[in-house]
Amino acid sequence: MPNLLLIPTSFERRIFDALGDVRTRLDSALSGRWRIECCGFGLVGAAARTMQLISIHRPRRIMLLGIAGSLDESIPIGSACAFDRVTCHGIGIGDALAADHKSADELGWSHIEPIGCASAIGDTIELAQHRRLSVEAELIDQPMYLISVTAAAADTDEARRRRERFPDAVAEDMEGFGVAVAAHLAAVPLQIVRGISNLAGDRNHDHWQVAAALRSACELATKLVGEDL
């Protein structure tokens, strides 16, 4: 029953596999107790594929590793974060960035009703406890809050409006909440590690630092896989 290290896309996986010495150190830390798999792109695909992988491998732990866009300019591009909680954004009523948008929680609905699981799943899921580490500072006091979106910010104006709606969020991704739903239903602890590849809303890939972000995420994952949850 190996633990699962999940990477969303084959694009991220190819860069991850080419990380050389950093990847070698992570492989040593995984020491055959973890299986690396792609979980798919976006909330729906990631949730479905993660649940399928859980049913096959019955892991005791899951870690999601990939890239994310920064919503907090104090989090440097090329660094990495491990997150305390993840919130879904974009499912509900109305344009997700409009003032009248209402999320599932705001509508009084749950994403999953408490039938066959310990508790209902609302817009936010708390993640497995871990030491607050980053590759920039060994110990950080700032809570790491991730939002998972149905579509990444298309420009800086969208990113600004997301910061206004979620002032505590430091990054956006597209898979974290979906993976967290599957892990919650299976009662498997989940950690999310994301390398910060770009500022949210910056679609000019010449500005992105995907390899540096994944290298940092790999270094942070190496520190975390040995922890007892």
Protein backbone atom coordinates (compact mmCIF):
# COMPACT_ATOMS: atom_id res chain seq x y z
CA MET A 1 0.00 0.00 0.00
CA PRO A 2 2.27 2.83 -1.21
CA ASN A 3 1.59 6.46 -0.36
CA LEU A 4 0.72 8.67 -3.33
CA LEU A 5 2.68 11.63 -4.67
CA LEU A 6 0.33 13.22 -7.19
CA ILE A 7 1.37 15.58 -9.99
CA PRO A 8 -1.48 17.13 -11.99
CA THR A 9 -0.24 17.12 -15.60
CA SER A 10 2.24 15.34 -17.84
CA PHE A 11 3.78 18.79 -18.53
CA GLU A 12 4.65 19.18 -14.84
CA ARG A 13 5.70 15.54 -14.60
CA ARG A 14 8.23 15.87 -17.46
CA ILE A 15 9.91 18.84 -15.78
CA PHE A 16 9.76 17.11 -12.39
CA ASP A 17 11.44 14.00 -13.83
CA ALA A 18 14.27 16.12 -15.26
CA LEU A 19 15.24 17.82 -11.98
CA GLY A 20 18.43 15.80 -11.55
CA ASP A 21 20.06 15.95 -8.11
CA VAL A 22 16.97 17.45 -6.42
CA ARG A 23 14.81 14.66 -7.80
CA THR A 24 17.40 12.09 -6.69
CA ARG A 25 17.21 13.38 -3.11
CA LEU A 26 13.42 13.19 -3.16
CA ASP A 27 13.54 9.64 -4.54
CA SER A 28 15.82 8.71 -1.65
CA ALA A 29 13.36 10.23 0.84
CA LEU A 30 10.46 8.39 -0.80
CA SER A 31 12.48 5.17 -0.41
CA GLY A 32 10.03 2.98 -2.27
CA ARG A 33 7.15 3.85 0.08
CA TRP A 34 5.53 6.30 -2.34
CA ARG A 35 4.11 5.93 -5.83
CA ILE A 36 4.19 8.90 -8.24
CA GLU A 37 1.10 9.35 -10.43
CA CYS A 38 -0.55 12.08 -12.50
CA CYS A 39 -3.96 13.06 -11.14
CA GLY A 40 -5.26 15.14 -14.04
CA PHE A 41 -6.02 18.77 -14.86
CA GLY A 42 -8.69 20.81 -13.11
CA LEU A 43 -11.06 20.23 -10.21
CA VAL A 44 -13.22 17.50 -11.74
CA GLY A 45 -10.53 15.41 -13.38
CA ALA A 46 -8.25 15.61 -10.33
CA ALA A 47 -11.03 14.55 -7.94
CA ALA A 48 -12.11 11.60 -10.09
CA ARG A 49 -8.59 10.35 -10.85
CA THR A 50 -7.49 10.73 -7.22
CA MET A 51 -10.42 8.67 -6.00
CA GLN A 52 -9.59 5.99 -8.58
CA LEU A 53 -5.94 5.93 -7.45
CA ILE A 54 -6.98 5.72 -3.80
CA SER A 55 -9.22 2.74 -4.56
CA ILE A 56 -6.35 0.98 -6.34
CA HIS A 57 -3.44 1.74 -3.98
CA ARG A 58 -5.09 2.34 -0.56
CA PRO A 59 -2.47 4.91 0.51
CA ARG A 60 -1.97 6.07 4.09
CA ARG A 61 -0.89 9.54 2.91
CA ILE A 62 -1.21 11.70 -0.19
CA MET A 63 0.87 14.64 -1.32
CA LEU A 64 -0.14 16.85 -4.26
CA LEU A 65 2.82 18.56 -5.94
CA GLY A 66 2.74 21.01 -8.82
CA ILE A 67 2.80 24.68 -9.80
CA ALA A 68 0.56 27.58 -8.78
CA GLY A 69 0.09 31.28 -9.43
CA SER A 70 0.94 33.70 -6.63
CA LEU A 71 -1.75 36.02 -5.23
CA ASP A 72 0.72 37.46 -2.70
CA GLU A 73 3.75 39.31 -4.04
CA SER A 74 5.64 38.55 -0.82
CA ILE A 75 5.78 34.90 -1.96
CA PRO A 76 8.61 34.91 -4.52
CA ILE A 77 8.27 33.35 -7.95
CA GLY A 78 10.39 30.22 -7.97
CA SER A 79 9.73 29.44 -4.30
CA ALA A 80 7.35 26.82 -2.89
CA CYS A 81 4.72 26.56 -0.16
CA ALA A 82 2.98 23.80 1.77
CA PHE A 83 -0.63 24.78 2.45
CA ASP A 84 -2.78 24.64 5.59
CA ARG A 85 -6.15 24.76 3.85
CA VAL A 86 -7.72 24.93 0.41
CA THR A 87 -10.91 26.70 -0.68
CA CYS A 88 -12.96 26.09 -3.80
CA HIS A 89 -13.77 29.20 -5.86
CA GLY A 90 -16.09 29.34 -8.84
CA ILE A 91 -18.81 26.80 -7.99
CA GLY A 92 -22.14 28.35 -7.02
CA ILE A 93 -24.31 31.04 -8.59
CA GLY A 94 -23.19 33.88 -10.83
CA ASP A 95 -19.89 34.97 -12.31
CA ALA A 96 -17.21 33.86 -9.87
CA LEU A 97 -15.66 37.33 -9.80
CA ALA A 98 -18.87 39.35 -9.71
CA ALA A 99 -20.00 41.03 -6.52
CA ASP A 100 -23.22 38.97 -6.48
CA HIS A 101 -21.48 35.58 -6.80
CA LYS A 102 -22.53 33.15 -4.09
CA SER A 103 -20.54 30.03 -3.30
CA ALA A 104 -21.97 26.73 -2.11
CA ASP A 105 -21.41 27.71 1.52
CA GLU A 106 -23.08 31.07 0.99
CA LEU A 107 -26.08 29.31 -0.57
CA GLY A 108 -26.36 26.97 2.41
CA TRP A 109 -25.29 23.93 0.37
CA SER A 110 -22.47 21.45 0.92
CA HIS A 111 -20.29 20.08 -1.88
CA ILE A 112 -20.74 16.68 -0.19
CA GLU A 113 -23.49 15.96 2.34
CA PRO A 114 -22.47 14.06 5.50
CA ILE A 115 -23.72 10.72 4.20
CA GLY A 116 -21.17 7.93 4.52
CA CYS A 117 -18.41 10.29 5.67
CA ALA A 118 -17.54 11.91 8.96
CA SER A 119 -18.59 15.43 8.01
CA ALA A 120 -20.00 17.53 5.23
CA ILE A 121 -17.60 19.17 2.79
CA GLY A 122 -18.03 22.92 2.42
CA ASP A 123 -16.04 25.44 0.42
CA THR A 124 -12.90 25.02 2.58
CA ILE A 125 -11.02 21.86 3.56
CA GLU A 126 -8.33 21.82 6.23
CA LEU A 127 -5.22 19.91 5.18
CA ALA A 128 -2.88 17.61 7.08
CA GLN A 129 -0.81 19.32 9.75
CA HIS A 130 2.84 19.91 8.97
CA ARG A 131 5.72 22.10 9.99
CA ARG A 132 5.34 25.46 8.27
CA LEU A 133 8.27 25.24 5.93
CA SER A 134 9.25 27.06 2.79
CA VAL A 135 12.43 26.91 0.78
CA GLU A 136 12.93 30.61 1.39
CA ALA A 137 12.66 30.39 5.20
CA GLU A 138 12.96 27.29 7.34
CA LEU A 139 10.04 28.33 9.52
CA ILE A 140 7.25 30.68 8.45
CA ASP A 141 4.45 31.96 10.66
CA GLN A 142 2.07 33.03 7.89
CA PRO A 143 -0.78 30.54 7.30
CA MET A 144 -0.63 29.17 3.78
CA TYR A 145 -4.09 29.46 2.24
CA LEU A 146 -4.73 28.15 -1.30
CA ILE A 147 -7.74 28.75 -3.52
CA SER A 148 -8.64 26.21 -6.21
CA VAL A 149 -10.34 27.81 -9.18
CA THR A 150 -12.35 26.51 -12.09
CA ALA A 151 -10.29 28.71 -14.43
CA ALA A 152 -6.99 30.47 -13.74
CA ALA A 153 -6.95 34.26 -13.67
CA ALA A 154 -6.76 35.55 -17.24
CA ASP A 155 -5.21 38.92 -16.38
CA THR A 156 -4.04 41.09 -13.51
CA ASP A 157 -7.53 42.54 -13.01
CA GLU A 158 -8.99 39.08 -12.36
CA ALA A 159 -6.12 38.32 -9.99
CA ARG A 160 -6.76 41.60 -8.12
CA ARG A 161 -10.46 40.76 -7.70
CA ARG A 162 -9.54 37.31 -6.36
CA ARG A 163 -7.20 38.94 -3.83
CA GLU A 164 -10.05 41.22 -2.77
CA ARG A 165 -12.42 38.28 -2.30
CA PHE A 166 -9.78 36.10 -0.58
CA PRO A 167 -7.38 38.52 1.14
CA ASP A 168 -5.69 35.70 3.09
CA ALA A 169 -5.01 33.50 0.03
CA VAL A 170 -1.41 33.36 -1.17
CA ALA A 171 -1.87 31.33 -4.38
CA GLU A 172 -4.34 29.83 -6.83
CA ASP A 173 -4.32 26.38 -8.38
CA MET A 174 -6.84 24.23 -10.27
CA GLU A 175 -6.62 20.81 -8.61
CA GLY A 176 -6.08 21.14 -4.86
CA PHE A 177 -9.71 21.22 -3.76
CA GLY A 178 -10.65 18.30 -6.02
CA VAL A 179 -7.86 16.15 -4.62
CA ALA A 180 -8.82 17.26 -1.10
CA VAL A 181 -12.43 16.15 -1.61
CA ALA A 182 -11.29 12.67 -2.65
CA ALA A 183 -8.82 12.43 0.24
CA HIS A 184 -11.46 13.60 2.73
CA LEU A 185 -13.98 11.02 1.53
CA ALA A 186 -11.34 8.28 1.85
CA ALA A 187 -10.10 9.62 5.23
CA VAL A 188 -6.53 9.90 3.90
CA PRO A 189 -4.33 12.80 5.13
CA LEU A 190 -3.41 15.19 2.32
CA GLN A 191 -0.56 17.68 2.00
CA ILE A 192 -0.40 20.18 -0.87
CA VAL A 193 2.97 21.52 -2.01
CA ARG A 194 3.00 24.04 -4.83
CA GLY A 195 5.88 25.76 -6.54
CA ILE A 196 5.10 29.38 -7.38
CA SER A 197 5.69 29.57 -11.11
CA ASN A 198 4.13 32.96 -11.87
CA LEU A 199 2.03 35.84 -10.63
CA ALA A 200 -1.65 34.97 -10.97
CA GLY A 201 -3.04 36.67 -14.06
CA ASP A 202 0.30 36.91 -15.88
CA ARG A 203 -0.26 34.82 -19.00
CA ASN A 204 3.12 35.71 -20.57
CA HIS A 205 5.00 32.43 -20.15
CA ASP A 206 8.30 34.23 -20.73
CA HIS A 207 7.88 35.53 -17.18
CA TRP A 208 7.14 32.13 -15.67
CA GLN A 209 9.72 30.06 -13.76
CA VAL A 210 8.23 26.58 -13.95
CA ALA A 211 11.46 24.60 -13.55
CA ALA A 212 12.60 26.73 -10.59
CA ALA A 213 9.17 26.44 -8.98
CA LEU A 214 9.09 22.66 -9.33
CA ARG A 215 12.66 22.41 -8.06
CA SER A 216 11.62 24.34 -4.93
CA ALA A 217 8.50 22.18 -4.57
CA CYS A 218 10.64 19.06 -4.85
CA GLU A 219 13.01 20.36 -2.15
CA LEU A 220 10.10 21.16 0.15
CA ALA A 221 8.46 17.78 -0.49
CA THR A 222 11.73 16.08 0.46
CA LYS A 223 11.56 17.79 3.87
CA LEU A 224 7.93 16.84 4.40
CA VAL A 225 7.70 13.20 3.31
CA GLY A 226 9.56 12.01 6.39
CA GLU A 227 7.14 13.65 8.81
CA ASP A 228 4.69 11.61 10.84
CA LEU A 229 1.17 12.94 10.30
